[in-house]
Amino acid sequence: MIDNFAHGGDILIAITAASVFAQIGIAFGVVLRSRRNKDLRSLSIGTTLSGLLAGVTEPILYGLILWYKRLIPIVLVSGAIGGAIIAIFDVRVTTFVLNNLFTIPIFKPMYGYILGIAIALIIGTILTFVFGFEAKNSEKPLEAKENTNNLQEGVSTMIFAPLSGEIVKLENVPDPVFSTEAMGKGIAIEPENDTVLFM
C-alpha cells in the first residue's frame, strides 16, 4: 500500500496480467490443436473469449489446465516470462481492474504492458500447440474396476448420519434426481430438528 502511494500505482496487478494472458494463450492453443474434438474446441473457444473480453480465466483453469496437467508448466513458463517483462518496464496501475482487452489503457507505460501480455499469450499459444495437452495414454479406454465393497447381506453395518430423524426410501423423495437413483443408491432422512452433526 505504501509502495502504491510512493510510486504512483500498483505493480502486482500488472504482473498478474501475464498469468491471465498466458492462460488465454493456452486456451487459444487448445482451439488450434483440437480441430477434431468439437466439444473440446467449443469449450476452449468460449473460455478464450471469456478471458479476452472479461479477464475471467476460471473456466480456462478448471476446464482445461487442471484437466490436462501437461498445461501447468506451460502457464508457469509463459506467465513468468510475460510477468518479468512487465516488471522490467515497471508497469503500474492506479485502480483495481480485471485484466482484459478493455483495461489495457489503464496500465502505464502501456507499451510495456502490451509487450508483456502479448509475449505471455504468444508463448502460451505456441507451447500448447507444439507440445500438446493430451496425456500419452489418453486414447486408451478406462477399464471398469471390480466392485470391492465388503458389504454382506444379512450383516448389519453402522453408518454415521449427520442428523437425526426418520429414514425415508429414496423412491419416496420428491426430487427425481434422487428418487430415480440417478446419483446412486442411498437413503434420505426427514430431519426432526435443525441440528446437523459433523466430525
N, C-alpha and C. Protein backbone atom coordinates (compact mmCIF):
# COMPACT_ATOMS: atom_id res chain seq x y z
N MET A 1 0.83 -1.19 0.00
CA MET A 1 0.00 0.00 0.00
C MET A 1 0.87 1.25 0.00
N ILE A 2 1.89 1.28 0.86
CA ILE A 2 2.78 2.44 0.91
C ILE A 2 3.54 2.56 -0.41
N ASP A 3 3.93 1.42 -0.98
CA ASP A 3 4.62 1.43 -2.27
C ASP A 3 3.72 2.03 -3.35
N ASN A 4 2.42 1.74 -3.28
CA ASN A 4 1.49 2.31 -4.26
C ASN A 4 1.47 3.83 -4.18
N PHE A 5 1.47 4.38 -2.95
CA PHE A 5 1.48 5.83 -2.80
C PHE A 5 2.83 6.41 -3.22
N ALA A 6 3.90 5.72 -2.88
CA ALA A 6 5.24 6.24 -3.17
C ALA A 6 5.57 6.24 -4.65
N HIS A 7 5.11 5.22 -5.37
CA HIS A 7 5.48 5.09 -6.77
C HIS A 7 4.33 5.34 -7.74
N GLY A 8 3.19 5.71 -7.25
CA GLY A 8 2.10 6.12 -8.14
C GLY A 8 1.31 4.99 -8.76
N GLY A 9 1.26 3.86 -8.13
CA GLY A 9 0.44 2.78 -8.68
C GLY A 9 0.88 1.41 -8.20
N ASP A 10 0.08 0.41 -8.54
CA ASP A 10 0.33 -0.96 -8.09
C ASP A 10 0.97 -1.76 -9.21
N ILE A 11 2.06 -2.46 -8.89
CA ILE A 11 2.74 -3.27 -9.89
C ILE A 11 2.23 -4.71 -9.91
N LEU A 12 1.68 -5.19 -8.78
CA LEU A 12 1.26 -6.59 -8.71
C LEU A 12 0.09 -6.91 -9.64
N ILE A 13 -0.87 -6.02 -9.73
CA ILE A 13 -2.00 -6.25 -10.64
C ILE A 13 -1.49 -6.34 -12.07
N ALA A 14 -0.52 -5.49 -12.40
CA ALA A 14 0.05 -5.52 -13.75
C ALA A 14 0.77 -6.83 -14.01
N ILE A 15 1.54 -7.30 -13.04
CA ILE A 15 2.30 -8.54 -13.23
C ILE A 15 1.35 -9.74 -13.35
N THR A 16 0.27 -9.75 -12.57
CA THR A 16 -0.66 -10.89 -12.66
C THR A 16 -1.36 -10.96 -14.01
N ALA A 17 -1.36 -9.87 -14.75
CA ALA A 17 -1.96 -9.89 -16.08
C ALA A 17 -1.25 -10.88 -16.99
N ALA A 18 0.05 -11.08 -16.77
CA ALA A 18 0.79 -12.04 -17.59
C ALA A 18 0.23 -13.44 -17.42
N SER A 19 -0.13 -13.80 -16.21
CA SER A 19 -0.72 -15.12 -15.97
C SER A 19 -2.08 -15.24 -16.66
N VAL A 20 -2.87 -14.17 -16.59
CA VAL A 20 -4.18 -14.17 -17.24
C VAL A 20 -4.03 -14.40 -18.73
N PHE A 21 -3.13 -13.65 -19.37
CA PHE A 21 -2.97 -13.78 -20.82
C PHE A 21 -2.22 -15.05 -21.21
N ALA A 22 -1.41 -15.60 -20.32
CA ALA A 22 -0.80 -16.91 -20.58
C ALA A 22 -1.89 -17.98 -20.62
N GLN A 23 -2.85 -17.90 -19.72
CA GLN A 23 -3.96 -18.86 -19.72
C GLN A 23 -4.83 -18.69 -20.97
N ILE A 24 -5.04 -17.45 -21.38
CA ILE A 24 -5.80 -17.21 -22.61
C ILE A 24 -5.05 -17.81 -23.80
N GLY A 25 -3.73 -17.64 -23.82
CA GLY A 25 -2.92 -18.23 -24.88
C GLY A 25 -3.03 -19.74 -24.91
N ILE A 26 -3.04 -20.36 -23.74
CA ILE A 26 -3.19 -21.81 -23.66
C ILE A 26 -4.55 -22.23 -24.23
N ALA A 27 -5.60 -21.52 -23.85
CA ALA A 27 -6.93 -21.85 -24.36
C ALA A 27 -6.98 -21.70 -25.88
N PHE A 28 -6.32 -20.67 -26.41
CA PHE A 28 -6.29 -20.48 -27.86
C PHE A 28 -5.46 -21.58 -28.53
N GLY A 29 -4.38 -22.01 -27.88
CA GLY A 29 -3.60 -23.13 -28.39
C GLY A 29 -4.42 -24.41 -28.46
N VAL A 30 -5.29 -24.61 -27.47
CA VAL A 30 -6.18 -25.78 -27.50
C VAL A 30 -7.18 -25.64 -28.64
N VAL A 31 -7.66 -24.41 -28.91
CA VAL A 31 -8.55 -24.19 -30.05
C VAL A 31 -7.87 -24.62 -31.34
N LEU A 32 -6.62 -24.20 -31.52
CA LEU A 32 -5.89 -24.52 -32.75
C LEU A 32 -5.59 -26.01 -32.88
N ARG A 33 -5.36 -26.67 -31.77
CA ARG A 33 -4.93 -28.07 -31.81
C ARG A 33 -6.10 -29.06 -31.79
N SER A 34 -7.26 -28.66 -31.36
CA SER A 34 -8.38 -29.60 -31.18
C SER A 34 -9.40 -29.47 -32.30
N ARG A 35 -8.96 -29.61 -33.53
CA ARG A 35 -9.87 -29.47 -34.66
C ARG A 35 -10.88 -30.62 -34.74
N ARG A 36 -10.48 -31.82 -34.33
CA ARG A 36 -11.36 -32.99 -34.46
C ARG A 36 -12.31 -33.17 -33.29
N ASN A 37 -11.97 -32.64 -32.14
CA ASN A 37 -12.81 -32.80 -30.95
C ASN A 37 -13.70 -31.56 -30.81
N LYS A 38 -14.92 -31.66 -31.30
CA LYS A 38 -15.81 -30.49 -31.34
C LYS A 38 -16.18 -29.98 -29.94
N ASP A 39 -16.37 -30.88 -28.98
CA ASP A 39 -16.72 -30.46 -27.62
C ASP A 39 -15.58 -29.68 -26.97
N LEU A 40 -14.37 -30.20 -27.10
CA LEU A 40 -13.21 -29.52 -26.53
C LEU A 40 -12.95 -28.19 -27.23
N ARG A 41 -13.13 -28.18 -28.54
CA ARG A 41 -12.94 -26.94 -29.31
C ARG A 41 -13.97 -25.88 -28.88
N SER A 42 -15.21 -26.30 -28.70
CA SER A 42 -16.25 -25.37 -28.26
C SER A 42 -15.94 -24.82 -26.88
N LEU A 43 -15.51 -25.69 -25.96
CA LEU A 43 -15.13 -25.25 -24.62
C LEU A 43 -13.98 -24.25 -24.67
N SER A 44 -12.96 -24.56 -25.46
CA SER A 44 -11.78 -23.69 -25.48
C SER A 44 -12.06 -22.36 -26.18
N ILE A 45 -12.95 -22.34 -27.17
CA ILE A 45 -13.33 -21.06 -27.80
C ILE A 45 -14.05 -20.18 -26.78
N GLY A 46 -15.00 -20.76 -26.06
CA GLY A 46 -15.74 -19.99 -25.05
C GLY A 46 -14.84 -19.46 -23.95
N THR A 47 -13.90 -20.30 -23.50
CA THR A 47 -13.01 -19.85 -22.43
C THR A 47 -12.03 -18.80 -22.91
N THR A 48 -11.60 -18.91 -24.17
CA THR A 48 -10.72 -17.88 -24.73
C THR A 48 -11.42 -16.53 -24.76
N LEU A 49 -12.67 -16.53 -25.22
CA LEU A 49 -13.42 -15.28 -25.30
C LEU A 49 -13.71 -14.70 -23.92
N SER A 50 -14.04 -15.55 -22.95
CA SER A 50 -14.30 -15.02 -21.60
C SER A 50 -13.04 -14.42 -21.00
N GLY A 51 -11.89 -14.98 -21.32
CA GLY A 51 -10.63 -14.42 -20.83
C GLY A 51 -10.30 -13.10 -21.50
N LEU A 52 -10.41 -13.06 -22.82
CA LEU A 52 -10.07 -11.83 -23.55
C LEU A 52 -11.01 -10.67 -23.22
N LEU A 53 -12.30 -10.95 -23.19
CA LEU A 53 -13.28 -9.88 -23.06
C LEU A 53 -13.58 -9.49 -21.62
N ALA A 54 -13.41 -10.42 -20.67
CA ALA A 54 -13.78 -10.12 -19.29
C ALA A 54 -12.65 -10.36 -18.30
N GLY A 55 -11.58 -11.02 -18.72
CA GLY A 55 -10.50 -11.34 -17.80
C GLY A 55 -10.84 -12.48 -16.86
N VAL A 56 -11.87 -13.24 -17.20
CA VAL A 56 -12.30 -14.36 -16.37
C VAL A 56 -11.60 -15.62 -16.87
N THR A 57 -10.68 -16.14 -16.07
CA THR A 57 -9.90 -17.29 -16.51
C THR A 57 -10.21 -18.56 -15.73
N GLU A 58 -11.15 -18.52 -14.80
CA GLU A 58 -11.50 -19.74 -14.06
C GLU A 58 -11.97 -20.86 -14.98
N PRO A 59 -12.76 -20.57 -16.04
CA PRO A 59 -13.12 -21.66 -16.96
C PRO A 59 -11.89 -22.28 -17.63
N ILE A 60 -10.89 -21.46 -17.93
CA ILE A 60 -9.66 -22.00 -18.52
C ILE A 60 -8.93 -22.85 -17.50
N LEU A 61 -8.81 -22.32 -16.28
CA LEU A 61 -8.07 -23.03 -15.24
C LEU A 61 -8.72 -24.36 -14.90
N TYR A 62 -10.03 -24.35 -14.60
CA TYR A 62 -10.70 -25.57 -14.16
C TYR A 62 -11.16 -26.45 -15.32
N GLY A 63 -11.42 -25.86 -16.47
CA GLY A 63 -11.90 -26.65 -17.61
C GLY A 63 -10.81 -27.22 -18.48
N LEU A 64 -9.63 -26.58 -18.49
CA LEU A 64 -8.56 -27.05 -19.36
C LEU A 64 -7.27 -27.36 -18.60
N ILE A 65 -6.73 -26.38 -17.89
CA ILE A 65 -5.39 -26.52 -17.32
C ILE A 65 -5.34 -27.60 -16.25
N LEU A 66 -6.28 -27.62 -15.32
CA LEU A 66 -6.26 -28.65 -14.28
C LEU A 66 -6.74 -30.00 -14.80
N TRP A 67 -7.47 -30.00 -15.91
CA TRP A 67 -7.92 -31.25 -16.51
C TRP A 67 -6.77 -31.91 -17.28
N TYR A 68 -6.03 -31.10 -18.04
CA TYR A 68 -4.87 -31.59 -18.80
C TYR A 68 -3.62 -31.08 -18.09
N LYS A 69 -3.06 -31.91 -17.24
CA LYS A 69 -1.96 -31.50 -16.36
C LYS A 69 -0.72 -31.03 -17.12
N ARG A 70 -0.57 -31.44 -18.37
CA ARG A 70 0.60 -31.01 -19.15
C ARG A 70 0.59 -29.51 -19.43
N LEU A 71 -0.53 -28.85 -19.21
CA LEU A 71 -0.62 -27.41 -19.44
C LEU A 71 -0.10 -26.59 -18.27
N ILE A 72 0.06 -27.20 -17.10
CA ILE A 72 0.50 -26.45 -15.92
C ILE A 72 1.89 -25.85 -16.12
N PRO A 73 2.90 -26.61 -16.58
CA PRO A 73 4.21 -25.98 -16.80
C PRO A 73 4.17 -24.88 -17.87
N ILE A 74 3.29 -25.03 -18.85
CA ILE A 74 3.20 -24.03 -19.91
C ILE A 74 2.69 -22.71 -19.35
N VAL A 75 1.67 -22.75 -18.49
CA VAL A 75 1.17 -21.50 -17.91
C VAL A 75 2.21 -20.88 -16.99
N LEU A 76 2.98 -21.71 -16.29
CA LEU A 76 4.03 -21.18 -15.40
C LEU A 76 5.12 -20.47 -16.20
N VAL A 77 5.60 -21.11 -17.26
CA VAL A 77 6.69 -20.54 -18.06
C VAL A 77 6.24 -19.27 -18.78
N SER A 78 5.12 -19.35 -19.50
CA SER A 78 4.68 -18.19 -20.27
C SER A 78 4.26 -17.04 -19.37
N GLY A 79 3.63 -17.33 -18.24
CA GLY A 79 3.26 -16.27 -17.30
C GLY A 79 4.47 -15.63 -16.66
N ALA A 80 5.50 -16.43 -16.34
CA ALA A 80 6.71 -15.88 -15.73
C ALA A 80 7.47 -14.98 -16.69
N ILE A 81 7.56 -15.38 -17.94
CA ILE A 81 8.27 -14.55 -18.93
C ILE A 81 7.52 -13.23 -19.15
N GLY A 82 6.21 -13.31 -19.34
CA GLY A 82 5.42 -12.09 -19.52
C GLY A 82 5.45 -11.20 -18.30
N GLY A 83 5.38 -11.80 -17.11
CA GLY A 83 5.45 -11.03 -15.86
C GLY A 83 6.79 -10.36 -15.67
N ALA A 84 7.87 -11.03 -16.07
CA ALA A 84 9.20 -10.43 -15.97
C ALA A 84 9.32 -9.21 -16.86
N ILE A 85 8.77 -9.30 -18.06
CA ILE A 85 8.81 -8.15 -18.98
C ILE A 85 8.00 -6.99 -18.40
N ILE A 86 6.85 -7.27 -17.86
CA ILE A 86 6.03 -6.22 -17.25
C ILE A 86 6.77 -5.59 -16.07
N ALA A 87 7.46 -6.40 -15.27
CA ALA A 87 8.22 -5.87 -14.13
C ALA A 87 9.40 -5.04 -14.60
N ILE A 88 10.08 -5.46 -15.66
CA ILE A 88 11.22 -4.71 -16.19
C ILE A 88 10.79 -3.31 -16.63
N PHE A 89 9.63 -3.22 -17.25
CA PHE A 89 9.13 -1.92 -17.70
C PHE A 89 8.45 -1.14 -16.57
N ASP A 90 8.40 -1.71 -15.36
CA ASP A 90 7.81 -1.07 -14.19
C ASP A 90 6.39 -0.57 -14.48
N VAL A 91 5.59 -1.47 -15.06
CA VAL A 91 4.21 -1.13 -15.40
C VAL A 91 3.39 -1.05 -14.12
N ARG A 92 2.56 -0.03 -14.02
CA ARG A 92 1.73 0.18 -12.83
C ARG A 92 0.31 0.53 -13.24
N VAL A 93 -0.59 0.35 -12.28
CA VAL A 93 -1.99 0.68 -12.49
C VAL A 93 -2.46 1.44 -11.25
N THR A 94 -3.33 2.42 -11.44
CA THR A 94 -3.76 3.26 -10.32
C THR A 94 -5.12 2.88 -9.76
N THR A 95 -5.77 1.90 -10.36
CA THR A 95 -7.07 1.44 -9.87
C THR A 95 -7.17 -0.06 -10.05
N PHE A 96 -8.04 -0.69 -9.30
CA PHE A 96 -8.20 -2.13 -9.44
C PHE A 96 -9.06 -2.44 -10.66
N VAL A 97 -8.54 -3.27 -11.54
CA VAL A 97 -9.28 -3.69 -12.73
C VAL A 97 -9.02 -5.17 -12.97
N LEU A 98 -9.92 -5.80 -13.70
CA LEU A 98 -9.66 -7.15 -14.19
C LEU A 98 -8.83 -7.02 -15.46
N ASN A 99 -7.90 -7.93 -15.64
CA ASN A 99 -7.01 -7.85 -16.80
C ASN A 99 -7.69 -8.42 -18.03
N ASN A 100 -8.07 -7.55 -18.96
CA ASN A 100 -8.67 -7.97 -20.22
C ASN A 100 -8.34 -6.95 -21.29
N LEU A 101 -8.85 -7.14 -22.48
CA LEU A 101 -8.52 -6.23 -23.59
C LEU A 101 -8.99 -4.80 -23.34
N PHE A 102 -10.10 -4.64 -22.64
CA PHE A 102 -10.68 -3.31 -22.46
C PHE A 102 -9.97 -2.47 -21.41
N THR A 103 -9.17 -3.09 -20.57
CA THR A 103 -8.50 -2.34 -19.50
C THR A 103 -7.04 -2.02 -19.83
N ILE A 104 -6.60 -2.31 -21.03
CA ILE A 104 -5.21 -2.05 -21.42
C ILE A 104 -4.82 -0.58 -21.23
N PRO A 105 -5.66 0.40 -21.61
CA PRO A 105 -5.24 1.80 -21.48
C PRO A 105 -4.99 2.28 -20.05
N ILE A 106 -5.44 1.54 -19.05
CA ILE A 106 -5.27 1.97 -17.66
C ILE A 106 -3.84 1.75 -17.18
N PHE A 107 -3.11 0.83 -17.80
CA PHE A 107 -1.76 0.48 -17.36
C PHE A 107 -0.74 1.44 -17.96
N LYS A 108 0.21 1.88 -17.14
CA LYS A 108 1.24 2.84 -17.56
C LYS A 108 2.62 2.30 -17.22
N PRO A 109 3.59 2.29 -18.09
CA PRO A 109 3.51 2.61 -19.51
C PRO A 109 2.81 1.50 -20.28
N MET A 110 1.93 1.91 -21.17
CA MET A 110 1.10 0.96 -21.88
C MET A 110 1.90 0.04 -22.79
N TYR A 111 2.97 0.55 -23.39
CA TYR A 111 3.76 -0.28 -24.32
C TYR A 111 4.42 -1.45 -23.59
N GLY A 112 4.88 -1.25 -22.37
CA GLY A 112 5.47 -2.34 -21.60
C GLY A 112 4.43 -3.38 -21.23
N TYR A 113 3.24 -2.91 -20.91
CA TYR A 113 2.15 -3.83 -20.57
C TYR A 113 1.74 -4.65 -21.78
N ILE A 114 1.55 -3.99 -22.91
CA ILE A 114 1.15 -4.69 -24.13
C ILE A 114 2.21 -5.71 -24.53
N LEU A 115 3.48 -5.34 -24.44
CA LEU A 115 4.56 -6.26 -24.78
C LEU A 115 4.54 -7.49 -23.86
N GLY A 116 4.38 -7.28 -22.57
CA GLY A 116 4.37 -8.38 -21.62
C GLY A 116 3.20 -9.34 -21.82
N ILE A 117 1.99 -8.80 -21.97
CA ILE A 117 0.83 -9.69 -22.13
C ILE A 117 0.85 -10.37 -23.50
N ALA A 118 1.35 -9.67 -24.52
CA ALA A 118 1.42 -10.27 -25.86
C ALA A 118 2.40 -11.45 -25.86
N ILE A 119 3.55 -11.27 -25.22
CA ILE A 119 4.53 -12.35 -25.17
C ILE A 119 3.99 -13.53 -24.36
N ALA A 120 3.32 -13.26 -23.24
CA ALA A 120 2.73 -14.35 -22.45
C ALA A 120 1.69 -15.11 -23.26
N LEU A 121 0.85 -14.38 -23.99
CA LEU A 121 -0.19 -15.01 -24.80
C LEU A 121 0.42 -15.82 -25.94
N ILE A 122 1.40 -15.25 -26.63
CA ILE A 122 2.02 -15.94 -27.77
C ILE A 122 2.78 -17.18 -27.32
N ILE A 123 3.56 -17.07 -26.25
CA ILE A 123 4.31 -18.23 -25.76
C ILE A 123 3.35 -19.33 -25.30
N GLY A 124 2.29 -18.96 -24.59
CA GLY A 124 1.30 -19.94 -24.15
C GLY A 124 0.64 -20.65 -25.32
N THR A 125 0.31 -19.90 -26.37
CA THR A 125 -0.31 -20.49 -27.56
C THR A 125 0.65 -21.43 -28.27
N ILE A 126 1.87 -20.96 -28.51
CA ILE A 126 2.85 -21.77 -29.25
C ILE A 126 3.21 -23.04 -28.49
N LEU A 127 3.50 -22.92 -27.20
CA LEU A 127 3.88 -24.11 -26.43
C LEU A 127 2.74 -25.13 -26.37
N THR A 128 1.51 -24.65 -26.24
CA THR A 128 0.37 -25.57 -26.22
C THR A 128 0.20 -26.24 -27.56
N PHE A 129 0.35 -25.47 -28.64
CA PHE A 129 0.18 -26.04 -29.98
C PHE A 129 1.29 -27.04 -30.30
N VAL A 130 2.53 -26.71 -29.92
CA VAL A 130 3.67 -27.57 -30.26
C VAL A 130 3.71 -28.82 -29.38
N PHE A 131 3.61 -28.65 -28.07
CA PHE A 131 3.76 -29.78 -27.16
C PHE A 131 2.45 -30.50 -26.86
N GLY A 132 1.34 -29.89 -27.17
CA GLY A 132 0.05 -30.54 -26.95
C GLY A 132 -0.38 -30.51 -25.50
N PHE A 133 -1.52 -31.09 -25.27
CA PHE A 133 -2.08 -31.09 -23.93
C PHE A 133 -2.58 -32.46 -23.53
N GLU A 134 -2.63 -33.40 -24.46
CA GLU A 134 -3.15 -34.72 -24.17
C GLU A 134 -2.12 -35.53 -23.39
N ALA A 135 -2.61 -36.35 -22.49
CA ALA A 135 -1.74 -37.30 -21.82
C ALA A 135 -1.38 -38.39 -22.81
N LYS A 136 -0.23 -39.03 -22.63
CA LYS A 136 0.23 -40.04 -23.58
C LYS A 136 -0.73 -41.21 -23.69
N ASN A 137 -1.42 -41.54 -22.63
CA ASN A 137 -2.34 -42.68 -22.67
C ASN A 137 -3.80 -42.25 -22.72
N SER A 138 -4.07 -41.03 -23.24
CA SER A 138 -5.44 -40.53 -23.23
C SER A 138 -6.34 -41.29 -24.20
N GLU A 139 -5.77 -41.96 -25.20
CA GLU A 139 -6.57 -42.70 -26.16
C GLU A 139 -6.99 -44.07 -25.61
N LYS A 140 -6.32 -44.55 -24.58
CA LYS A 140 -6.60 -45.86 -24.01
C LYS A 140 -7.88 -45.79 -23.18
N PRO A 141 -8.87 -46.64 -23.48
CA PRO A 141 -10.11 -46.59 -22.70
C PRO A 141 -9.89 -47.08 -21.28
N LEU A 142 -10.65 -46.51 -20.37
CA LEU A 142 -10.56 -46.93 -18.97
C LEU A 142 -11.27 -48.26 -18.78
N GLU A 143 -10.68 -49.10 -17.96
CA GLU A 143 -11.28 -50.40 -17.67
C GLU A 143 -12.12 -50.29 -16.40
N ALA A 144 -13.26 -50.97 -16.41
CA ALA A 144 -14.13 -50.95 -15.24
C ALA A 144 -13.47 -51.74 -14.11
N LYS A 145 -13.53 -51.18 -12.92
CA LYS A 145 -12.96 -51.86 -11.76
C LYS A 145 -14.02 -52.75 -11.12
N GLU A 146 -13.56 -53.83 -10.54
CA GLU A 146 -14.47 -54.75 -9.87
C GLU A 146 -14.99 -54.10 -8.59
N ASN A 147 -16.25 -54.35 -8.28
CA ASN A 147 -16.84 -53.82 -7.06
C ASN A 147 -16.16 -54.47 -5.86
N THR A 148 -15.51 -53.65 -5.04
CA THR A 148 -14.71 -54.20 -3.94
C THR A 148 -15.30 -53.88 -2.57
N ASN A 149 -16.58 -53.49 -2.50
CA ASN A 149 -17.11 -53.20 -1.17
C ASN A 149 -17.31 -54.51 -0.40
N ASN A 150 -17.16 -54.45 0.87
CA ASN A 150 -17.20 -55.64 1.71
C ASN A 150 -18.54 -55.82 2.41
N LEU A 151 -19.59 -55.24 1.86
CA LEU A 151 -20.90 -55.38 2.49
C LEU A 151 -21.46 -56.76 2.21
N GLN A 152 -22.02 -57.37 3.24
CA GLN A 152 -22.60 -58.70 3.09
C GLN A 152 -24.07 -58.63 3.49
N GLU A 153 -24.87 -59.40 2.77
CA GLU A 153 -26.30 -59.42 3.05
C GLU A 153 -26.55 -60.11 4.39
N GLY A 154 -27.44 -59.56 5.18
CA GLY A 154 -27.79 -60.14 6.47
C GLY A 154 -26.89 -59.68 7.61
N VAL A 155 -25.88 -58.89 7.31
CA VAL A 155 -24.97 -58.38 8.34
C VAL A 155 -25.25 -56.90 8.51
N SER A 156 -25.44 -56.46 9.74
CA SER A 156 -25.74 -55.04 9.97
C SER A 156 -24.45 -54.22 9.94
N THR A 157 -24.56 -53.04 9.38
CA THR A 157 -23.44 -52.12 9.27
C THR A 157 -23.86 -50.79 9.87
N MET A 158 -22.99 -50.18 10.68
CA MET A 158 -23.31 -48.90 11.29
C MET A 158 -22.81 -47.78 10.39
N ILE A 159 -23.69 -46.85 10.09
CA ILE A 159 -23.35 -45.70 9.26
C ILE A 159 -23.64 -44.44 10.07
N PHE A 160 -22.72 -43.51 10.08
CA PHE A 160 -22.91 -42.24 10.78
C PHE A 160 -23.86 -41.36 9.98
N ALA A 161 -24.90 -40.85 10.59
CA ALA A 161 -25.82 -39.93 9.95
C ALA A 161 -25.59 -38.53 10.52
N PRO A 162 -25.52 -37.51 9.68
CA PRO A 162 -25.25 -36.15 10.16
C PRO A 162 -26.42 -35.49 10.88
N LEU A 163 -27.61 -36.10 10.82
CA LEU A 163 -28.75 -35.53 11.51
C LEU A 163 -29.68 -36.65 11.97
N SER A 164 -30.51 -36.34 12.94
CA SER A 164 -31.44 -37.35 13.46
C SER A 164 -32.81 -37.12 12.85
N GLY A 165 -33.52 -38.22 12.63
CA GLY A 165 -34.84 -38.11 12.04
C GLY A 165 -35.31 -39.45 11.52
N GLU A 166 -36.36 -39.42 10.71
CA GLU A 166 -36.95 -40.63 10.17
C GLU A 166 -36.31 -40.97 8.82
N ILE A 167 -35.92 -42.23 8.65
CA ILE A 167 -35.31 -42.69 7.39
C ILE A 167 -36.41 -42.85 6.35
N VAL A 168 -36.15 -42.32 5.15
CA VAL A 168 -37.11 -42.37 4.05
C VAL A 168 -36.43 -43.06 2.87
N LYS A 169 -37.15 -43.95 2.19
CA LYS A 169 -36.60 -44.59 0.99
C LYS A 169 -36.45 -43.54 -0.10
N LEU A 170 -35.42 -43.68 -0.92
CA LEU A 170 -35.18 -42.70 -1.98
C LEU A 170 -36.34 -42.63 -2.96
N GLU A 171 -37.03 -43.72 -3.19
CA GLU A 171 -38.14 -43.70 -4.15
C GLU A 171 -39.28 -42.79 -3.68
N ASN A 172 -39.31 -42.45 -2.38
CA ASN A 172 -40.35 -41.57 -1.83
C ASN A 172 -39.92 -40.11 -1.76
N VAL A 173 -38.71 -39.80 -2.20
CA VAL A 173 -38.22 -38.42 -2.20
C VAL A 173 -38.80 -37.70 -3.41
N PRO A 174 -39.33 -36.48 -3.25
CA PRO A 174 -39.97 -35.78 -4.37
C PRO A 174 -39.01 -35.34 -5.48
N ASP A 175 -37.72 -35.28 -5.21
CA ASP A 175 -36.75 -34.85 -6.22
C ASP A 175 -36.42 -36.04 -7.13
N PRO A 176 -36.68 -35.93 -8.45
CA PRO A 176 -36.45 -37.07 -9.34
C PRO A 176 -34.98 -37.47 -9.46
N VAL A 177 -34.07 -36.56 -9.19
CA VAL A 177 -32.65 -36.91 -9.24
C VAL A 177 -32.35 -38.00 -8.22
N PHE A 178 -32.96 -37.91 -7.05
CA PHE A 178 -32.73 -38.90 -6.01
C PHE A 178 -33.69 -40.08 -6.11
N SER A 179 -34.96 -39.82 -6.42
CA SER A 179 -35.95 -40.91 -6.45
C SER A 179 -35.67 -41.90 -7.57
N THR A 180 -35.05 -41.48 -8.66
CA THR A 180 -34.69 -42.40 -9.74
C THR A 180 -33.31 -43.02 -9.53
N GLU A 181 -32.67 -42.68 -8.42
CA GLU A 181 -31.33 -43.16 -8.07
C GLU A 181 -30.29 -42.78 -9.13
N ALA A 182 -30.49 -41.62 -9.76
CA ALA A 182 -29.52 -41.14 -10.74
C ALA A 182 -28.18 -40.82 -10.07
N MET A 183 -28.20 -40.46 -8.81
CA MET A 183 -26.98 -40.17 -8.06
C MET A 183 -26.45 -41.41 -7.34
N GLY A 184 -27.12 -42.55 -7.53
CA GLY A 184 -26.70 -43.77 -6.87
C GLY A 184 -27.68 -44.16 -5.78
N LYS A 185 -27.43 -45.31 -5.19
CA LYS A 185 -28.30 -45.82 -4.14
C LYS A 185 -28.03 -45.09 -2.83
N GLY A 186 -29.02 -45.07 -1.96
CA GLY A 186 -28.84 -44.41 -0.68
C GLY A 186 -30.14 -44.33 0.07
N ILE A 187 -30.17 -43.47 1.05
CA ILE A 187 -31.38 -43.22 1.84
C ILE A 187 -31.53 -41.71 2.01
N ALA A 188 -32.71 -41.31 2.41
CA ALA A 188 -32.96 -39.91 2.77
C ALA A 188 -33.38 -39.88 4.23
N ILE A 189 -33.20 -38.75 4.86
CA ILE A 189 -33.60 -38.59 6.26
C ILE A 189 -34.49 -37.36 6.37
N GLU A 190 -35.68 -37.57 6.94
CA GLU A 190 -36.57 -36.44 7.23
C GLU A 190 -36.16 -35.94 8.61
N PRO A 191 -35.49 -34.77 8.69
CA PRO A 191 -34.92 -34.33 9.97
C PRO A 191 -36.00 -33.98 10.99
N GLU A 192 -35.69 -34.28 12.25
CA GLU A 192 -36.63 -33.95 13.32
C GLU A 192 -36.33 -32.60 13.96
N ASN A 193 -35.13 -32.04 13.69
CA ASN A 193 -34.79 -30.70 14.19
C ASN A 193 -33.76 -30.07 13.26
N ASP A 194 -33.26 -28.90 13.62
CA ASP A 194 -32.32 -28.18 12.77
C ASP A 194 -30.86 -28.45 13.10
N THR A 195 -30.59 -29.43 13.94
CA THR A 195 -29.22 -29.71 14.36
C THR A 195 -28.55 -30.66 13.37
N VAL A 196 -27.41 -30.24 12.86
CA VAL A 196 -26.62 -31.08 11.96
C VAL A 196 -25.30 -31.38 12.66
N LEU A 197 -24.96 -32.66 12.76
CA LEU A 197 -23.73 -33.09 13.40
C LEU A 197 -22.63 -33.25 12.36
N PHE A 198 -21.41 -32.97 12.74
CA PHE A 198 -20.29 -33.19 11.84
C PHE A 198 -19.10 -33.64 12.65
N MET A 199 -18.17 -34.30 11.98
CA MET A 199 -16.99 -34.82 12.67
C MET A 199 -15.78 -34.01 12.27
